[in-house]
């Protein structure tokens, strides 16, 4: 998943900002600088857990090097442990 392009629809941007307090720029920076751990869920759906300024979890669909973000939110304790596990 190198050269991953992030696409966040306007509806998802609003939801993530107002419900979870995450701006799109923060999400992109966290993915770029935070060394994300990417976990395949099912089909073309993946979960990325990353840490830059804070821990963030992102759920996205991956297709032809484009990640279409479904949602993003502050990571739960179990996700943080999973991220920090080597």
N, C-alpha and C. Protein backbone atom coordinates (compact mmCIF):
# COMPACT_ATOMS: atom_id res chain seq x y z
N UNK A 1 0.81 -1.19 0.00
CA UNK A 1 0.00 0.00 0.00
C UNK A 1 0.85 1.26 0.00
N UNK A 2 1.97 1.18 -0.66
CA UNK A 2 2.81 2.36 -0.79
C UNK A 2 2.13 3.34 -1.74
N UNK A 3 2.48 4.62 -1.61
CA UNK A 3 1.89 5.67 -2.43
C UNK A 3 0.38 5.71 -2.29
N UNK A 4 -0.08 5.52 -1.10
CA UNK A 4 -1.51 5.50 -0.81
C UNK A 4 -2.09 6.90 -0.93
N UNK A 5 -3.13 7.05 -1.74
CA UNK A 5 -3.84 8.32 -1.87
C UNK A 5 -5.07 8.25 -0.98
N UNK A 6 -5.26 9.27 -0.17
CA UNK A 6 -6.37 9.30 0.77
C UNK A 6 -7.51 10.13 0.17
N UNK A 7 -8.69 9.55 0.11
CA UNK A 7 -9.88 10.28 -0.34
C UNK A 7 -10.90 10.26 0.79
N UNK A 8 -11.33 11.46 1.18
CA UNK A 8 -12.33 11.60 2.24
C UNK A 8 -13.47 12.44 1.68
N UNK A 9 -14.64 11.83 1.54
CA UNK A 9 -15.79 12.57 1.00
C UNK A 9 -16.18 13.69 1.97
N UNK A 10 -16.90 14.65 1.46
CA UNK A 10 -17.33 15.79 2.28
C UNK A 10 -18.18 15.33 3.46
N UNK A 11 -19.07 14.37 3.23
CA UNK A 11 -19.92 13.86 4.32
C UNK A 11 -19.09 13.21 5.41
N UNK A 12 -18.09 12.42 5.02
CA UNK A 12 -17.22 11.76 6.01
C UNK A 12 -16.38 12.80 6.74
N UNK A 13 -15.89 13.81 6.02
CA UNK A 13 -15.11 14.88 6.66
C UNK A 13 -15.92 15.54 7.78
N UNK A 14 -17.17 15.87 7.47
CA UNK A 14 -18.02 16.52 8.48
C UNK A 14 -18.27 15.61 9.67
N UNK A 15 -18.60 14.34 9.39
CA UNK A 15 -18.89 13.39 10.47
C UNK A 15 -17.68 13.22 11.38
N UNK A 16 -16.51 13.00 10.78
CA UNK A 16 -15.29 12.76 11.55
C UNK A 16 -14.93 14.00 12.37
N UNK A 17 -15.11 15.17 11.80
CA UNK A 17 -14.78 16.40 12.53
C UNK A 17 -15.76 16.64 13.68
N UNK A 18 -17.04 16.59 13.41
CA UNK A 18 -18.01 16.96 14.44
C UNK A 18 -18.27 15.86 15.46
N UNK A 19 -18.19 14.61 15.05
CA UNK A 19 -18.44 13.52 15.98
C UNK A 19 -17.19 13.11 16.75
N UNK A 20 -16.02 13.14 16.08
CA UNK A 20 -14.80 12.62 16.69
C UNK A 20 -13.69 13.66 16.86
N UNK A 21 -13.88 14.88 16.32
CA UNK A 21 -12.90 15.94 16.50
C UNK A 21 -11.61 15.75 15.72
N UNK A 22 -11.69 15.07 14.59
CA UNK A 22 -10.49 14.83 13.76
C UNK A 22 -10.63 15.56 12.44
N UNK A 23 -9.68 16.44 12.15
CA UNK A 23 -9.67 17.14 10.87
C UNK A 23 -8.94 16.29 9.84
N UNK A 24 -9.26 16.49 8.58
CA UNK A 24 -8.67 15.70 7.50
C UNK A 24 -7.15 15.88 7.46
N UNK A 25 -6.67 17.09 7.69
CA UNK A 25 -5.22 17.32 7.68
C UNK A 25 -4.53 16.52 8.78
N UNK A 26 -5.14 16.47 9.96
CA UNK A 26 -4.57 15.68 11.06
C UNK A 26 -4.53 14.20 10.69
N UNK A 27 -5.57 13.72 10.05
CA UNK A 27 -5.63 12.32 9.63
C UNK A 27 -4.53 12.02 8.62
N UNK A 28 -4.36 12.88 7.64
CA UNK A 28 -3.32 12.67 6.62
C UNK A 28 -1.92 12.73 7.21
N UNK A 29 -1.69 13.68 8.12
CA UNK A 29 -0.38 13.78 8.79
C UNK A 29 -0.10 12.54 9.63
N UNK A 30 -1.11 12.06 10.35
CA UNK A 30 -0.93 10.88 11.18
C UNK A 30 -0.58 9.67 10.32
N UNK A 31 -1.19 9.55 9.16
CA UNK A 31 -0.88 8.42 8.28
C UNK A 31 0.50 8.58 7.64
N UNK A 32 0.88 9.80 7.34
CA UNK A 32 2.16 10.04 6.69
C UNK A 32 3.33 9.90 7.66
N UNK A 33 3.21 10.44 8.87
CA UNK A 33 4.33 10.49 9.81
C UNK A 33 4.22 9.50 10.95
N UNK A 34 3.10 8.85 11.11
CA UNK A 34 2.86 8.03 12.30
C UNK A 34 3.16 6.55 12.18
N UNK A 35 3.68 6.09 11.08
CA UNK A 35 3.96 4.66 10.88
C UNK A 35 2.72 3.81 11.17
N UNK A 36 1.72 3.91 10.32
CA UNK A 36 0.46 3.20 10.58
C UNK A 36 0.61 1.69 10.52
N UNK A 37 -0.15 1.02 11.35
CA UNK A 37 -0.28 -0.43 11.32
C UNK A 37 -1.59 -0.71 10.59
N UNK A 38 -1.51 -1.39 9.44
CA UNK A 38 -2.68 -1.63 8.61
C UNK A 38 -3.10 -3.08 8.75
N UNK A 39 -4.38 -3.29 9.02
CA UNK A 39 -4.94 -4.61 9.26
C UNK A 39 -6.09 -4.84 8.29
N UNK A 40 -6.04 -5.95 7.56
CA UNK A 40 -7.11 -6.28 6.62
C UNK A 40 -8.30 -6.80 7.41
N UNK A 41 -9.48 -6.26 7.13
CA UNK A 41 -10.68 -6.70 7.82
C UNK A 41 -11.42 -7.73 6.97
N UNK A 42 -12.06 -7.30 5.90
CA UNK A 42 -12.73 -8.23 4.98
C UNK A 42 -12.88 -7.56 3.63
N UNK A 43 -12.81 -8.36 2.58
CA UNK A 43 -12.92 -7.80 1.23
C UNK A 43 -11.84 -6.76 0.99
N UNK A 44 -12.25 -5.57 0.57
CA UNK A 44 -11.31 -4.47 0.34
C UNK A 44 -11.29 -3.49 1.51
N UNK A 45 -11.77 -3.91 2.67
CA UNK A 45 -11.86 -3.03 3.83
C UNK A 45 -10.67 -3.26 4.77
N UNK A 46 -10.07 -2.17 5.21
CA UNK A 46 -8.89 -2.21 6.06
C UNK A 46 -9.06 -1.27 7.24
N UNK A 47 -8.28 -1.52 8.29
CA UNK A 47 -8.21 -0.64 9.44
C UNK A 47 -6.76 -0.21 9.59
N UNK A 48 -6.56 1.09 9.74
CA UNK A 48 -5.23 1.63 10.00
C UNK A 48 -5.23 2.25 11.39
N UNK A 49 -4.27 1.83 12.21
CA UNK A 49 -4.09 2.43 13.54
C UNK A 49 -2.75 3.15 13.48
N UNK A 50 -2.75 4.41 13.87
CA UNK A 50 -1.53 5.19 13.79
C UNK A 50 -1.41 6.15 14.96
N UNK A 51 -0.21 6.65 15.15
CA UNK A 51 0.04 7.61 16.23
C UNK A 51 0.98 8.68 15.72
N UNK A 52 0.53 9.91 15.77
CA UNK A 52 1.39 11.05 15.46
C UNK A 52 1.28 12.01 16.63
N UNK A 53 0.23 12.78 16.71
CA UNK A 53 0.00 13.62 17.89
C UNK A 53 -0.89 12.91 18.90
N UNK A 54 -1.71 12.01 18.38
CA UNK A 54 -2.56 11.16 19.21
C UNK A 54 -2.86 9.89 18.41
N UNK A 55 -3.38 8.89 19.08
CA UNK A 55 -3.72 7.65 18.40
C UNK A 55 -5.04 7.82 17.63
N UNK A 56 -5.01 7.42 16.37
CA UNK A 56 -6.18 7.52 15.51
C UNK A 56 -6.37 6.19 14.79
N UNK A 57 -7.62 5.76 14.69
CA UNK A 57 -7.98 4.57 13.93
C UNK A 57 -8.81 5.02 12.74
N UNK A 58 -8.49 4.47 11.58
CA UNK A 58 -9.21 4.81 10.36
C UNK A 58 -9.69 3.53 9.69
N UNK A 59 -10.92 3.50 9.25
CA UNK A 59 -11.47 2.39 8.48
C UNK A 59 -11.62 2.90 7.05
N UNK A 60 -11.10 2.12 6.10
CA UNK A 60 -11.16 2.57 4.71
C UNK A 60 -11.28 1.39 3.75
N UNK A 61 -11.76 1.69 2.56
CA UNK A 61 -11.80 0.72 1.48
C UNK A 61 -10.64 1.06 0.54
N UNK A 62 -9.90 0.04 0.15
CA UNK A 62 -8.71 0.23 -0.67
C UNK A 62 -8.97 -0.32 -2.06
N UNK A 63 -8.73 0.51 -3.07
CA UNK A 63 -8.92 0.10 -4.44
C UNK A 63 -7.98 0.88 -5.35
N UNK A 64 -7.07 0.17 -6.00
CA UNK A 64 -6.13 0.78 -6.97
C UNK A 64 -5.37 1.95 -6.37
N UNK A 65 -4.73 1.74 -5.25
CA UNK A 65 -3.90 2.69 -4.50
C UNK A 65 -4.66 3.92 -3.98
N UNK A 66 -5.98 3.83 -3.91
CA UNK A 66 -6.79 4.90 -3.33
C UNK A 66 -7.52 4.36 -2.10
N UNK A 67 -7.36 5.06 -0.99
CA UNK A 67 -8.04 4.70 0.25
C UNK A 67 -9.24 5.61 0.40
N UNK A 68 -10.44 5.05 0.28
CA UNK A 68 -11.67 5.80 0.49
C UNK A 68 -12.06 5.64 1.96
N UNK A 69 -11.91 6.71 2.71
CA UNK A 69 -12.14 6.66 4.15
C UNK A 69 -13.63 6.51 4.44
N UNK A 70 -13.93 5.53 5.27
CA UNK A 70 -15.30 5.31 5.74
C UNK A 70 -15.53 6.07 7.03
N UNK A 71 -14.57 5.97 7.96
CA UNK A 71 -14.63 6.71 9.22
C UNK A 71 -13.24 6.77 9.83
N UNK A 72 -13.08 7.66 10.78
CA UNK A 72 -11.85 7.77 11.56
C UNK A 72 -12.25 8.27 12.94
N UNK A 73 -11.54 7.80 13.96
CA UNK A 73 -11.90 8.15 15.33
C UNK A 73 -10.70 7.95 16.25
N UNK A 74 -10.70 8.56 17.44
CA UNK A 74 -9.63 8.30 18.40
C UNK A 74 -9.61 6.82 18.76
N UNK A 75 -8.44 6.26 18.80
CA UNK A 75 -8.29 4.81 19.05
C UNK A 75 -8.71 4.43 20.46
N UNK A 76 -9.32 3.25 20.55
CA UNK A 76 -9.66 2.67 21.84
C UNK A 76 -8.41 2.06 22.47
N UNK A 77 -8.46 1.81 23.77
CA UNK A 77 -7.30 1.24 24.47
C UNK A 77 -6.84 -0.07 23.83
N UNK A 78 -7.77 -0.93 23.44
CA UNK A 78 -7.40 -2.21 22.82
C UNK A 78 -6.69 -1.98 21.49
N UNK A 79 -7.08 -0.97 20.74
CA UNK A 79 -6.41 -0.66 19.47
C UNK A 79 -5.02 -0.08 19.72
N UNK A 80 -4.88 0.71 20.76
CA UNK A 80 -3.56 1.27 21.11
C UNK A 80 -2.61 0.14 21.49
N UNK A 81 -3.09 -0.83 22.29
CA UNK A 81 -2.25 -1.98 22.65
C UNK A 81 -1.85 -2.76 21.41
N UNK A 82 -2.80 -2.94 20.50
CA UNK A 82 -2.51 -3.67 19.25
C UNK A 82 -1.46 -2.93 18.42
N UNK A 83 -1.56 -1.60 18.37
CA UNK A 83 -0.59 -0.78 17.64
C UNK A 83 0.81 -0.91 18.24
N UNK A 84 0.88 -0.89 19.57
CA UNK A 84 2.18 -0.92 20.25
C UNK A 84 2.78 -2.32 20.36
N UNK A 85 1.99 -3.34 20.06
CA UNK A 85 2.48 -4.73 20.10
C UNK A 85 3.44 -4.96 18.94
N UNK A 86 4.56 -5.59 19.23
CA UNK A 86 5.57 -5.80 18.18
C UNK A 86 5.43 -7.12 17.53
